[in-house]
Every structure is written in C-alpha cells, then in structure tokens.
C-alpha cells in the first residue's frame, strides 16, 4: 500500500472515530460549561432555594399587557393574580412536569419516540445573572438539555443552550452561548408584535460555531387547559435559521404557549433539523409537543 493511500485510510478512520467518540458517557449526567451541576429531579432532592424566584427589572405595563405578579411560596399556586399593575414578573423555581408526544432521529440510528413525560427543573446557578434562570430539561437518560433564560424588561431571551443526546452507545453533546441573547418572548406582549435579529453561537473555547437569524411573532391569544384549569396564553412563534457557511447548520421552529402569570411557556411544539460534517454527514431531527401537567417547588 502506498504512503498516500495509507495516510488517506488513516484520515478516514480518524474522521469516523471522531464521530463515534462523541462520548460514551453511559448513564451519567451531562457536564456543561455553564449552569452548574445538571439536575435530574428523579434523583435530586430540591434545595431550600427551590421556592425562590427570579425577578425581572421593573417595567411599565401597557394596555392589553396581561403580565401579572406570581405568588411563589411553597404553598402558593403558580398562577396570575388580579393585580392591574405590576412592577416585575416572577418565575417560580422548582420542577415542572410535562407530557410529551413526538419523536427524534439521528443519522445511522433511525427514529425513536420520546418518553411520554419529561421534567423542566428551573433553578439558580452561581455563574448566572440575577435575572437568569437555568432550565434543566430531562426527556430521558438519553436526552438532556439545558437552557439559560434571561428575563429582561423587553424580552424573555435565551443566553445559552446545551444538549446531550445518546443513540446506541454514542453521545452527541453541543453547547453555545448566544451573542446577543436570542429573544423567545417579546415584552410587552401584544398580538401582531414581530421582532427579528441575529445571534452568534459561541462555543466554550470562544470560537463561533454558527450564526443564526431569528424571527419572533406573537400570533394570538389562546386559552388552553393546563392541569385541569383553563389558562390564558399568548401563542408565540420563533423561527431560527443558520446562515450558510457555518460548520453547524440548524433550522429550528418553536411555537410557545406562554403563560404571563407563570412567566413560562406552559406548552410548546418544536421541529428541528441540525447538521454537522465530521468527514461524514451527521444529522439530527425532532418533532414533538410538550404540555405542562404539574409543578412542585
């Protein structure tokens, strides 16, 4: 075998192994660079701070804005009060349980259904700002995500996202901070409102892995049933598209049913297509809906 052919063969093997070595972490919790230790509610006892809150900066409430204060003690219900004016909104920290219906797929491993339930654990972290919450989403031991969500006076926005997905013996992990933060819910809420922008996805080593254009639209008001109660929500659509030339390509659409009383999306539907090229083509797709069923401080 010639040296050229041997070098080419080694390069091909290295490329394949770089994909297969995405990690073989088994059933251990993922480790991300922001947000502290990943919390699995199934094995973690809530800390005393679980009944704390995240408060936004004060902002005026405009006509038609339905944001309300939220009671956040352990015995209080996380619903809106009837106060006509508020200086801030509050997110109750703790564990939110969701029903899930949908699927995900990865190149070479086929498609699988999501388990019927997932948890979203909202918490503080020592490396986040006072107006940020860490959302740890556990779909299963093979799919965990983290979002750092900032409650700004003019928006609820993503400042960081991470995920760890295992198919077979191999795990794909990704994470990025967004510069600037990526709006998910525009404030004050108003049907017909639209915003757009561009954010760079910055890896922990400081490199820019992709640049995303995003558009947010407030489509309508809609009452939905959550845990046996009819809840008023705003339906907000978010479209994200990676610009050409990035090493990662992501097209992601989410429709949120946002409850201003909880300062939280109590339902969402997502479709996503993501691609990476490691010498071989790697893709990830999902299509699912998550709906809040219960909350525990």
C-alpha atoms as a PDB file:
ATOM      1  CA  UNK A   1       0.000   0.000   0.000  1.00  0.00           C
ATOM      2  CA  UNK A   2       1.412   3.438  -0.899  1.00  0.00           C
ATOM      3  CA  UNK A   3       2.030   6.059   1.770  1.00  0.00           C
ATOM      4  CA  UNK A   4      -0.612   8.279   0.150  1.00  0.00           C
ATOM      5  CA  UNK A   5      -3.273   5.574   0.331  1.00  0.00           C
ATOM      6  CA  UNK A   6      -2.241   4.678   3.890  1.00  0.00           C
ATOM      7  CA  UNK A   7      -2.470   8.322   5.009  1.00  0.00           C
ATOM      8  CA  UNK A   8      -5.858   8.624   3.361  1.00  0.00           C
ATOM      9  CA  UNK A   9      -7.059   5.481   5.109  1.00  0.00           C
ATOM     10  CA  UNK A  10      -5.847   6.720   8.493  1.00  0.00           C
ATOM     11  CA  UNK A  11      -7.552  10.080   7.932  1.00  0.00           C
ATOM     12  CA  UNK A  12     -10.812   8.329   7.125  1.00  0.00           C
ATOM     13  CA  UNK A  13     -10.576   6.183  10.252  1.00  0.00           C
ATOM     14  CA  UNK A  14      -9.796   9.229  12.394  1.00  0.00           C
ATOM     15  CA  UNK A  15     -12.799  11.051  10.916  1.00  0.00           C
ATOM     16  CA  UNK A  16     -15.110   8.156  11.700  1.00  0.00           C
ATOM     17  CA  UNK A  17     -13.707   7.707  15.199  1.00  0.00           C
ATOM     18  CA  UNK A  18     -14.133  11.426  15.887  1.00  0.00           C
ATOM     19  CA  UNK A  19     -17.840  10.942  15.322  1.00  0.00           C
ATOM     20  CA  UNK A  20     -18.124   7.685  17.247  1.00  0.00           C
ATOM     21  CA  UNK A  21     -16.126   9.198  20.097  1.00  0.00           C
ATOM     22  CA  UNK A  22     -18.670  11.992  20.537  1.00  0.00           C
ATOM     23  CA  UNK A  23     -18.704  10.446  24.014  1.00  0.00           C
ATOM     24  CA  UNK A  24     -19.645   7.214  25.624  1.00  0.00           C
ATOM     25  CA  UNK A  25     -20.793   8.628  28.937  1.00  0.00           C
ATOM     26  CA  UNK A  26     -23.367   5.900  29.573  1.00  0.00           C
ATOM     27  CA  UNK A  27     -25.998   6.879  32.120  1.00  0.00           C
ATOM     28  CA  UNK A  28     -24.036   9.622  33.919  1.00  0.00           C
ATOM     29  CA  UNK A  29     -25.361  13.174  33.880  1.00  0.00           C
ATOM     30  CA  UNK A  30     -24.054  15.532  31.190  1.00  0.00           C
ATOM     31  CA  UNK A  31     -21.458  18.150  32.078  1.00  0.00           C
ATOM     32  CA  UNK A  32     -21.914  21.630  30.606  1.00  0.00           C
ATOM     33  CA  UNK A  33     -19.708  24.705  30.912  1.00  0.00           C
ATOM     34  CA  UNK A  34     -22.497  26.938  32.262  1.00  0.00           C
ATOM     35  CA  UNK A  35     -25.292  26.498  34.759  1.00  0.00           C
ATOM     36  CA  UNK A  36     -23.611  24.299  37.358  1.00  0.00           C
ATOM     37  CA  UNK A  37     -24.339  20.617  38.011  1.00  0.00           C
ATOM     38  CA  UNK A  38     -27.078  19.185  35.811  1.00  0.00           C
ATOM     39  CA  UNK A  39     -30.116  18.417  37.950  1.00  0.00           C
ATOM     40  CA  UNK A  40     -32.086  15.200  37.450  1.00  0.00           C
ATOM     41  CA  UNK A  41     -35.277  15.577  39.536  1.00  0.00           C
ATOM     42  CA  UNK A  42     -35.652  11.790  39.731  1.00  0.00           C
ATOM     43  CA  UNK A  43     -32.521  11.510  41.874  1.00  0.00           C
ATOM     44  CA  UNK A  44     -32.056  15.024  43.307  1.00  0.00           C
ATOM     45  CA  UNK A  45     -33.670  16.452  46.432  1.00  0.00           C
ATOM     46  CA  UNK A  46     -34.740  20.092  45.899  1.00  0.00           C
ATOM     47  CA  UNK A  47     -32.590  22.591  47.756  1.00  0.00           C
ATOM     48  CA  UNK A  48     -34.073  25.155  50.176  1.00  0.00           C
ATOM     49  CA  UNK A  49     -33.786  27.766  47.407  1.00  0.00           C
ATOM     50  CA  UNK A  50     -36.293  25.902  45.258  1.00  0.00           C
ATOM     51  CA  UNK A  51     -39.103  28.177  46.378  1.00  0.00           C
ATOM     52  CA  UNK A  52     -37.115  31.293  45.460  1.00  0.00           C
ATOM     53  CA  UNK A  53     -37.912  33.391  42.423  1.00  0.00           C
ATOM     54  CA  UNK A  54     -36.257  35.127  39.511  1.00  0.00           C
ATOM     55  CA  UNK A  55     -37.392  38.739  39.205  1.00  0.00           C
ATOM     56  CA  UNK A  56     -37.117  40.980  36.175  1.00  0.00           C
ATOM     57  CA  UNK A  57     -36.264  44.636  36.258  1.00  0.00           C
ATOM     58  CA  UNK A  58     -39.223  46.943  36.694  1.00  0.00           C
ATOM     59  CA  UNK A  59     -41.105  47.865  33.541  1.00  0.00           C
ATOM     60  CA  UNK A  60     -44.394  49.631  32.811  1.00  0.00           C
ATOM     61  CA  UNK A  61     -47.412  47.554  31.836  1.00  0.00           C
ATOM     62  CA  UNK A  62     -49.036  48.714  28.627  1.00  0.00           C
ATOM     63  CA  UNK A  63     -52.689  48.499  27.642  1.00  0.00           C
ATOM     64  CA  UNK A  64     -53.528  44.902  26.771  1.00  0.00           C
ATOM     65  CA  UNK A  65     -50.444  43.517  28.529  1.00  0.00           C
ATOM     66  CA  UNK A  66     -51.621  40.655  30.748  1.00  0.00           C
ATOM     67  CA  UNK A  67     -48.428  40.109  32.742  1.00  0.00           C
ATOM     68  CA  UNK A  68     -49.293  39.674  36.420  1.00  0.00           C
ATOM     69  CA  UNK A  69     -47.442  39.074  39.660  1.00  0.00           C
ATOM     70  CA  UNK A  70     -46.979  35.468  40.738  1.00  0.00           C
ATOM     71  CA  UNK A  71     -47.276  34.043  44.229  1.00  0.00           C
ATOM     72  CA  UNK A  72     -44.192  31.914  44.811  1.00  0.00           C
ATOM     73  CA  UNK A  73     -44.301  30.449  48.306  1.00  0.00           C
ATOM     74  CA  UNK A  74     -44.272  26.668  48.560  1.00  0.00           C
ATOM     75  CA  UNK A  75     -47.994  26.645  49.298  1.00  0.00           C
ATOM     76  CA  UNK A  76     -48.952  29.179  46.657  1.00  0.00           C
ATOM     77  CA  UNK A  77     -50.324  28.317  43.260  1.00  0.00           C
ATOM     78  CA  UNK A  78     -48.157  29.486  40.322  1.00  0.00           C
ATOM     79  CA  UNK A  79     -50.972  31.427  38.642  1.00  0.00           C
ATOM     80  CA  UNK A  80     -51.628  35.072  37.919  1.00  0.00           C
ATOM     81  CA  UNK A  81     -53.181  37.425  40.456  1.00  0.00           C
ATOM     82  CA  UNK A  82     -55.761  40.041  39.565  1.00  0.00           C
ATOM     83  CA  UNK A  83     -53.439  42.978  40.260  1.00  0.00           C
ATOM     84  CA  UNK A  84     -53.962  45.540  37.486  1.00  0.00           C
ATOM     85  CA  UNK A  85     -50.365  46.794  37.553  1.00  0.00           C
ATOM     86  CA  UNK A  86     -47.080  45.167  38.480  1.00  0.00           C
ATOM     87  CA  UNK A  87     -43.501  46.320  38.677  1.00  0.00           C
ATOM     88  CA  UNK A  88     -41.990  42.950  37.768  1.00  0.00           C
ATOM     89  CA  UNK A  89     -42.783  39.397  36.782  1.00  0.00           C
ATOM     90  CA  UNK A  90     -41.573  36.364  38.698  1.00  0.00           C
ATOM     91  CA  UNK A  91     -40.730  32.830  37.784  1.00  0.00           C
ATOM     92  CA  UNK A  92     -41.263  30.198  40.483  1.00  0.00           C
ATOM     93  CA  UNK A  93     -38.241  27.943  40.746  1.00  0.00           C
ATOM     94  CA  UNK A  94     -38.768  24.211  41.104  1.00  0.00           C
ATOM     95  CA  UNK A  95     -39.749  21.218  38.983  1.00  0.00           C
ATOM     96  CA  UNK A  96     -42.264  21.484  36.156  1.00  0.00           C
ATOM     97  CA  UNK A  97     -43.560  18.194  34.761  1.00  0.00           C
ATOM     98  CA  UNK A  98     -44.630  17.939  31.119  1.00  0.00           C
ATOM     99  CA  UNK A  99     -46.434  15.423  28.951  1.00  0.00           C
ATOM    100  CA  UNK A 100     -44.556  14.809  25.696  1.00  0.00           C
ATOM    101  CA  UNK A 101     -45.627  13.407  22.332  1.00  0.00           C
ATOM    102  CA  UNK A 102     -43.271  13.143  19.372  1.00  0.00           C
ATOM    103  CA  UNK A 103     -40.051  11.654  18.038  1.00  0.00           C
ATOM    104  CA  UNK A 104     -36.356  12.242  17.318  1.00  0.00           C
ATOM    105  CA  UNK A 105     -33.898  10.669  14.879  1.00  0.00           C
ATOM    106  CA  UNK A 106     -30.160  10.542  14.180  1.00  0.00           C
ATOM    107  CA  UNK A 107     -28.202   9.518  11.094  1.00  0.00           C
ATOM    108  CA  UNK A 108     -27.468   5.801  11.157  1.00  0.00           C
ATOM    109  CA  UNK A 109     -29.607   5.028  14.221  1.00  0.00           C
ATOM    110  CA  UNK A 110     -33.121   5.621  12.932  1.00  0.00           C
ATOM    111  CA  UNK A 111     -36.057   7.185  14.743  1.00  0.00           C
ATOM    112  CA  UNK A 112     -37.432   6.733  18.257  1.00  0.00           C
ATOM    113  CA  UNK A 113     -40.368   8.161  20.190  1.00  0.00           C
ATOM    114  CA  UNK A 114     -39.821  10.457  23.130  1.00  0.00           C
ATOM    115  CA  UNK A 115     -40.894   9.052  26.502  1.00  0.00           C
ATOM    116  CA  UNK A 116     -44.378  10.307  27.476  1.00  0.00           C
ATOM    117  CA  UNK A 117     -43.135  12.607  30.257  1.00  0.00           C
ATOM    118  CA  UNK A 118     -40.244  14.988  30.861  1.00  0.00           C
ATOM    119  CA  UNK A 119     -39.181  17.416  33.593  1.00  0.00           C
ATOM    120  CA  UNK A 120     -38.022  21.011  33.466  1.00  0.00           C
ATOM    121  CA  UNK A 121     -36.082  21.998  36.556  1.00  0.00           C
ATOM    122  CA  UNK A 122     -35.822  25.792  36.985  1.00  0.00           C
ATOM    123  CA  UNK A 123     -33.014  26.854  39.288  1.00  0.00           C
ATOM    124  CA  UNK A 124     -30.349  29.417  40.084  1.00  0.00           C
ATOM    125  CA  UNK A 125     -26.638  28.937  39.444  1.00  0.00           C
ATOM    126  CA  UNK A 126     -23.599  30.740  40.816  1.00  0.00           C
ATOM    127  CA  UNK A 127     -22.408  31.550  37.277  1.00  0.00           C
ATOM    128  CA  UNK A 128     -25.635  33.142  36.032  1.00  0.00           C
ATOM    129  CA  UNK A 129     -27.007  36.651  36.480  1.00  0.00           C
ATOM    130  CA  UNK A 130     -29.798  37.548  38.938  1.00  0.00           C
ATOM    131  CA  UNK A 131     -32.308  37.899  36.098  1.00  0.00           C
ATOM    132  CA  UNK A 132     -31.398  34.497  34.572  1.00  0.00           C
ATOM    133  CA  UNK A 133     -32.817  31.051  35.274  1.00  0.00           C
ATOM    134  CA  UNK A 134     -31.249  27.704  34.423  1.00  0.00           C
ATOM    135  CA  UNK A 135     -33.726  25.295  32.838  1.00  0.00           C
ATOM    136  CA  UNK A 136     -32.579  21.656  33.016  1.00  0.00           C
ATOM    137  CA  UNK A 137     -34.784  19.550  30.749  1.00  0.00           C
ATOM    138  CA  UNK A 138     -34.701  15.786  31.237  1.00  0.00           C
ATOM    139  CA  UNK A 139     -36.522  13.910  28.495  1.00  0.00           C
ATOM    140  CA  UNK A 140     -34.800  10.644  29.399  1.00  0.00           C
ATOM    141  CA  UNK A 141     -31.376   9.348  30.460  1.00  0.00           C
ATOM    142  CA  UNK A 142     -30.550   9.526  26.730  1.00  0.00           C
ATOM    143  CA  UNK A 143     -31.679  13.091  26.112  1.00  0.00           C
ATOM    144  CA  UNK A 144     -30.975  16.086  28.351  1.00  0.00           C
ATOM    145  CA  UNK A 145     -30.935  19.775  27.537  1.00  0.00           C
ATOM    146  CA  UNK A 146     -30.060  22.994  29.322  1.00  0.00           C
ATOM    147  CA  UNK A 147     -31.282  26.495  28.619  1.00  0.00           C
ATOM    148  CA  UNK A 148     -30.211  29.674  30.394  1.00  0.00           C
ATOM    149  CA  UNK A 149     -33.155  32.043  30.102  1.00  0.00           C
ATOM    150  CA  UNK A 150     -32.872  35.778  30.806  1.00  0.00           C
ATOM    151  CA  UNK A 151     -35.902  37.784  31.965  1.00  0.00           C
ATOM    152  CA  UNK A 152     -35.170  41.208  30.526  1.00  0.00           C
ATOM    153  CA  UNK A 153     -37.578  44.172  30.695  1.00  0.00           C
ATOM    154  CA  UNK A 154     -38.199  43.878  26.942  1.00  0.00           C
ATOM    155  CA  UNK A 155     -37.994  40.112  26.421  1.00  0.00           C
ATOM    156  CA  UNK A 156     -37.593  36.588  27.692  1.00  0.00           C
ATOM    157  CA  UNK A 157     -34.434  35.502  25.883  1.00  0.00           C
ATOM    158  CA  UNK A 158     -32.002  32.603  25.521  1.00  0.00           C
ATOM    159  CA  UNK A 159     -28.438  33.382  26.529  1.00  0.00           C
ATOM    160  CA  UNK A 160     -27.175  29.774  26.397  1.00  0.00           C
ATOM    161  CA  UNK A 161     -28.266  26.349  25.137  1.00  0.00           C
ATOM    162  CA  UNK A 162     -26.746  22.895  25.535  1.00  0.00           C
ATOM    163  CA  UNK A 163     -27.812  19.360  24.778  1.00  0.00           C
ATOM    164  CA  UNK A 164     -26.685  15.790  25.212  1.00  0.00           C
ATOM    165  CA  UNK A 165     -28.345  13.105  23.090  1.00  0.00           C
ATOM    166  CA  UNK A 166     -27.414   9.424  23.145  1.00  0.00           C
ATOM    167  CA  UNK A 167     -28.269   6.945  20.403  1.00  0.00           C
ATOM    168  CA  UNK A 168     -26.849   3.462  20.813  1.00  0.00           C
ATOM    169  CA  UNK A 169     -23.504   3.632  22.662  1.00  0.00           C
ATOM    170  CA  UNK A 170     -22.640   7.119  21.381  1.00  0.00           C
ATOM    171  CA  UNK A 171     -23.487  10.583  22.653  1.00  0.00           C
ATOM    172  CA  UNK A 172     -23.580  13.898  20.830  1.00  0.00           C
ATOM    173  CA  UNK A 173     -23.053  16.908  23.079  1.00  0.00           C
ATOM    174  CA  UNK A 174     -23.241  20.529  21.999  1.00  0.00           C
ATOM    175  CA  UNK A 175     -23.390  23.897  23.743  1.00  0.00           C
ATOM    176  CA  UNK A 176     -23.272  27.564  22.868  1.00  0.00           C
ATOM    177  CA  UNK A 177     -23.734  30.991  24.406  1.00  0.00           C
ATOM    178  CA  UNK A 178     -25.652  33.498  22.294  1.00  0.00           C
ATOM    179  CA  UNK A 179     -24.252  36.916  21.468  1.00  0.00           C
ATOM    180  CA  UNK A 180     -26.513  38.820  21.716  1.00  0.00           C
ATOM    181  CA  UNK A 181     -29.265  36.971  23.610  1.00  0.00           C
ATOM    182  CA  UNK A 182     -31.930  35.443  21.363  1.00  0.00           C
ATOM    183  CA  UNK A 183     -35.472  36.678  22.051  1.00  0.00           C
ATOM    184  CA  UNK A 184     -38.099  33.993  22.615  1.00  0.00           C
ATOM    185  CA  UNK A 185     -40.928  36.098  24.069  1.00  0.00           C
ATOM    186  CA  UNK A 186     -41.138  39.819  23.217  1.00  0.00           C
ATOM    187  CA  UNK A 187     -42.340  42.122  26.013  1.00  0.00           C
ATOM    188  CA  UNK A 188     -44.723  43.790  26.472  1.00  0.00           C
ATOM    189  CA  UNK A 189     -46.881  41.122  24.850  1.00  0.00           C
ATOM    190  CA  UNK A 190     -49.144  42.263  22.037  1.00  0.00           C
ATOM    191  CA  UNK A 191     -50.810  40.231  19.294  1.00  0.00           C
ATOM    192  CA  UNK A 192     -49.134  41.014  15.980  1.00  0.00           C
ATOM    193  CA  UNK A 193     -45.813  42.032  17.509  1.00  0.00           C
ATOM    194  CA  UNK A 194     -42.774  40.923  15.494  1.00  0.00           C
ATOM    195  CA  UNK A 195     -39.049  41.044  16.154  1.00  0.00           C
ATOM    196  CA  UNK A 196     -36.014  39.720  14.347  1.00  0.00           C
ATOM    197  CA  UNK A 197     -32.297  39.627  14.891  1.00  0.00           C
ATOM    198  CA  UNK A 198     -29.024  37.770  14.508  1.00  0.00           C
ATOM    199  CA  UNK A 199     -27.047  35.911  17.163  1.00  0.00           C
ATOM    200  CA  UNK A 200     -23.653  34.223  17.136  1.00  0.00           C
ATOM    201  CA  UNK A 201     -23.398  30.792  18.763  1.00  0.00           C
ATOM    202  CA  UNK A 202     -20.159  30.925  20.756  1.00  0.00           C
ATOM    203  CA  UNK A 203     -18.569  27.665  21.940  1.00  0.00           C
ATOM    204  CA  UNK A 204     -16.888  27.409  25.371  1.00  0.00           C
ATOM    205  CA  UNK A 205     -13.459  27.850  23.702  1.00  0.00           C
ATOM    206  CA  UNK A 206     -14.589  31.187  22.235  1.00  0.00           C
ATOM    207  CA  UNK A 207     -14.998  30.049  18.646  1.00  0.00           C
ATOM    208  CA  UNK A 208     -18.143  30.901  16.695  1.00  0.00           C
ATOM    209  CA  UNK A 209     -19.746  27.665  15.539  1.00  0.00           C
ATOM    210  CA  UNK A 210     -22.649  29.247  13.653  1.00  0.00           C
ATOM    211  CA  UNK A 211     -24.582  32.456  13.143  1.00  0.00           C
ATOM    212  CA  UNK A 212     -28.362  32.314  13.446  1.00  0.00           C
ATOM    213  CA  UNK A 213     -31.014  34.650  12.081  1.00  0.00           C
ATOM    214  CA  UNK A 214     -34.195  34.570  14.138  1.00  0.00           C
ATOM    215  CA  UNK A 215     -37.716  35.916  13.846  1.00  0.00           C
ATOM    216  CA  UNK A 216     -40.353  36.048  16.602  1.00  0.00           C
ATOM    217  CA  UNK A 217     -44.068  36.670  16.047  1.00  0.00           C
ATOM    218  CA  UNK A 218     -46.910  36.922  18.567  1.00  0.00           C
ATOM    219  CA  UNK A 219     -49.695  35.125  16.713  1.00  0.00           C
ATOM    220  CA  UNK A 220     -52.738  35.259  19.008  1.00  0.00           C
ATOM    221  CA  UNK A 221     -54.197  34.831  22.465  1.00  0.00           C
ATOM    222  CA  UNK A 222     -55.468  31.360  23.303  1.00  0.00           C
ATOM    223  CA  UNK A 223     -56.872  29.654  26.361  1.00  0.00           C
ATOM    224  CA  UNK A 224     -55.577  26.126  26.886  1.00  0.00           C
ATOM    225  CA  UNK A 225     -56.170  23.512  29.571  1.00  0.00           C
ATOM    226  CA  UNK A 226     -53.257  23.043  31.938  1.00  0.00           C
ATOM    227  CA  UNK A 227     -53.594  20.599  34.845  1.00  0.00           C
ATOM    228  CA  UNK A 228     -57.376  20.781  34.635  1.00  0.00           C
ATOM    229  CA  UNK A 229     -57.566  24.577  34.519  1.00  0.00           C
ATOM    230  CA  UNK A 230     -58.235  26.903  31.584  1.00  0.00           C
ATOM    231  CA  UNK A 231     -55.212  29.188  31.270  1.00  0.00           C
ATOM    232  CA  UNK A 232     -54.918  32.327  29.107  1.00  0.00           C
ATOM    233  CA  UNK A 233     -51.768  32.240  26.986  1.00  0.00           C
ATOM    234  CA  UNK A 234     -50.088  34.087  24.149  1.00  0.00           C
ATOM    235  CA  UNK A 235     -49.081  31.933  21.182  1.00  0.00           C
ATOM    236  CA  UNK A 236     -45.597  32.972  20.042  1.00  0.00           C
ATOM    237  CA  UNK A 237     -43.771  31.544  17.023  1.00  0.00           C
ATOM    238  CA  UNK A 238     -39.959  31.502  16.829  1.00  0.00           C
ATOM    239  CA  UNK A 239     -38.082  30.637  13.632  1.00  0.00           C
ATOM    240  CA  UNK A 240     -34.305  30.153  13.671  1.00  0.00           C
ATOM    241  CA  UNK A 241     -32.069  29.578  10.652  1.00  0.00           C
ATOM    242  CA  UNK A 242     -28.294  29.204  10.492  1.00  0.00           C
ATOM    243  CA  UNK A 243     -26.521  31.293   7.883  1.00  0.00           C
ATOM    244  CA  UNK A 244     -24.725  29.485   5.073  1.00  0.00           C
ATOM    245  CA  UNK A 245     -21.055  28.671   5.603  1.00  0.00           C
ATOM    246  CA  UNK A 246     -21.277  27.660   9.270  1.00  0.00           C
ATOM    247  CA  UNK A 247     -19.839  24.302  10.316  1.00  0.00           C
ATOM    248  CA  UNK A 248     -23.151  23.587  12.021  1.00  0.00           C
ATOM    249  CA  UNK A 249     -26.453  24.071  10.238  1.00  0.00           C
ATOM    250  CA  UNK A 250     -29.664  24.327  12.257  1.00  0.00           C
ATOM    251  CA  UNK A 251     -33.243  25.060  11.254  1.00  0.00           C
ATOM    252  CA  UNK A 252     -35.439  25.235  14.345  1.00  0.00           C
ATOM    253  CA  UNK A 253     -39.067  26.251  14.780  1.00  0.00           C
ATOM    254  CA  UNK A 254     -40.852  26.545  18.102  1.00  0.00           C
ATOM    255  CA  UNK A 255     -44.395  27.608  18.877  1.00  0.00           C
ATOM    256  CA  UNK A 256     -44.777  28.631  22.513  1.00  0.00           C
ATOM    257  CA  UNK A 257     -47.959  28.901  24.536  1.00  0.00           C
ATOM    258  CA  UNK A 258     -46.657  31.451  27.033  1.00  0.00           C
ATOM    259  CA  UNK A 259     -48.419  31.969  30.353  1.00  0.00           C
ATOM    260  CA  UNK A 260     -47.617  35.505  31.604  1.00  0.00           C
ATOM    261  CA  UNK A 261     -48.822  34.552  35.076  1.00  0.00           C
ATOM    262  CA  UNK A 262     -46.142  31.885  35.403  1.00  0.00           C
ATOM    263  CA  UNK A 263     -43.584  33.736  33.256  1.00  0.00           C
ATOM    264  CA  UNK A 264     -43.166  30.407  31.477  1.00  0.00           C
ATOM    265  CA  UNK A 265     -44.103  28.610  28.272  1.00  0.00           C
ATOM    266  CA  UNK A 266     -46.588  26.018  29.541  1.00  0.00           C
ATOM    267  CA  UNK A 267     -46.712  24.286  26.164  1.00  0.00           C
ATOM    268  CA  UNK A 268     -44.515  24.234  23.085  1.00  0.00           C
ATOM    269  CA  UNK A 269     -44.212  22.459  19.764  1.00  0.00           C
ATOM    270  CA  UNK A 270     -40.788  22.087  18.145  1.00  0.00           C
ATOM    271  CA  UNK A 271     -39.441  20.891  14.847  1.00  0.00           C
ATOM    272  CA  UNK A 272     -35.687  20.911  14.292  1.00  0.00           C
ATOM    273  CA  UNK A 273     -33.193  19.793  11.679  1.00  0.00           C
ATOM    274  CA  UNK A 274     -29.482  20.006  12.533  1.00  0.00           C
ATOM    275  CA  UNK A 275     -26.412  19.001  10.516  1.00  0.00           C
ATOM    276  CA  UNK A 276     -22.724  18.656  11.213  1.00  0.00           C
ATOM    277  CA  UNK A 277     -19.936  17.384   8.995  1.00  0.00           C
ATOM    278  CA  UNK A 278     -17.127  15.378  10.602  1.00  0.00           C
ATOM    279  CA  UNK A 279     -15.902  13.874   7.350  1.00  0.00           C
ATOM    280  CA  UNK A 280     -19.208  12.019   7.311  1.00  0.00           C
ATOM    281  CA  UNK A 281     -22.586  13.732   7.331  1.00  0.00           C
ATOM    282  CA  UNK A 282     -24.349  13.780  10.720  1.00  0.00           C
ATOM    283  CA  UNK A 283     -27.994  14.887  11.104  1.00  0.00           C
ATOM    284  CA  UNK A 284     -30.459  15.200  13.958  1.00  0.00           C
ATOM    285  CA  UNK A 285     -34.216  15.774  13.599  1.00  0.00           C
ATOM    286  CA  UNK A 286     -37.096  16.083  16.034  1.00  0.00           C
ATOM    287  CA  UNK A 287     -40.809  16.860  16.070  1.00  0.00           C
ATOM    288  CA  UNK A 288     -42.625  16.942  19.413  1.00  0.00           C
ATOM    289  CA  UNK A 289     -45.063  18.756  21.690  1.00  0.00           C
ATOM    290  CA  UNK A 290     -44.618  19.285  25.452  1.00  0.00           C
ATOM    291  CA  UNK A 291     -47.507  20.331  27.736  1.00  0.00           C
ATOM    292  CA  UNK A 292     -47.273  21.262  31.434  1.00  0.00           C
ATOM    293  CA  UNK A 293     -49.053  18.844  33.783  1.00  0.00           C
ATOM    294  CA  UNK A 294     -47.844  19.794  37.282  1.00  0.00           C
ATOM    295  CA  UNK A 295     -45.421  21.900  39.316  1.00  0.00           C
ATOM    296  CA  UNK A 296     -43.532  21.209  42.540  1.00  0.00           C
ATOM    297  CA  UNK A 297     -41.386  23.784  44.395  1.00  0.00           C
END
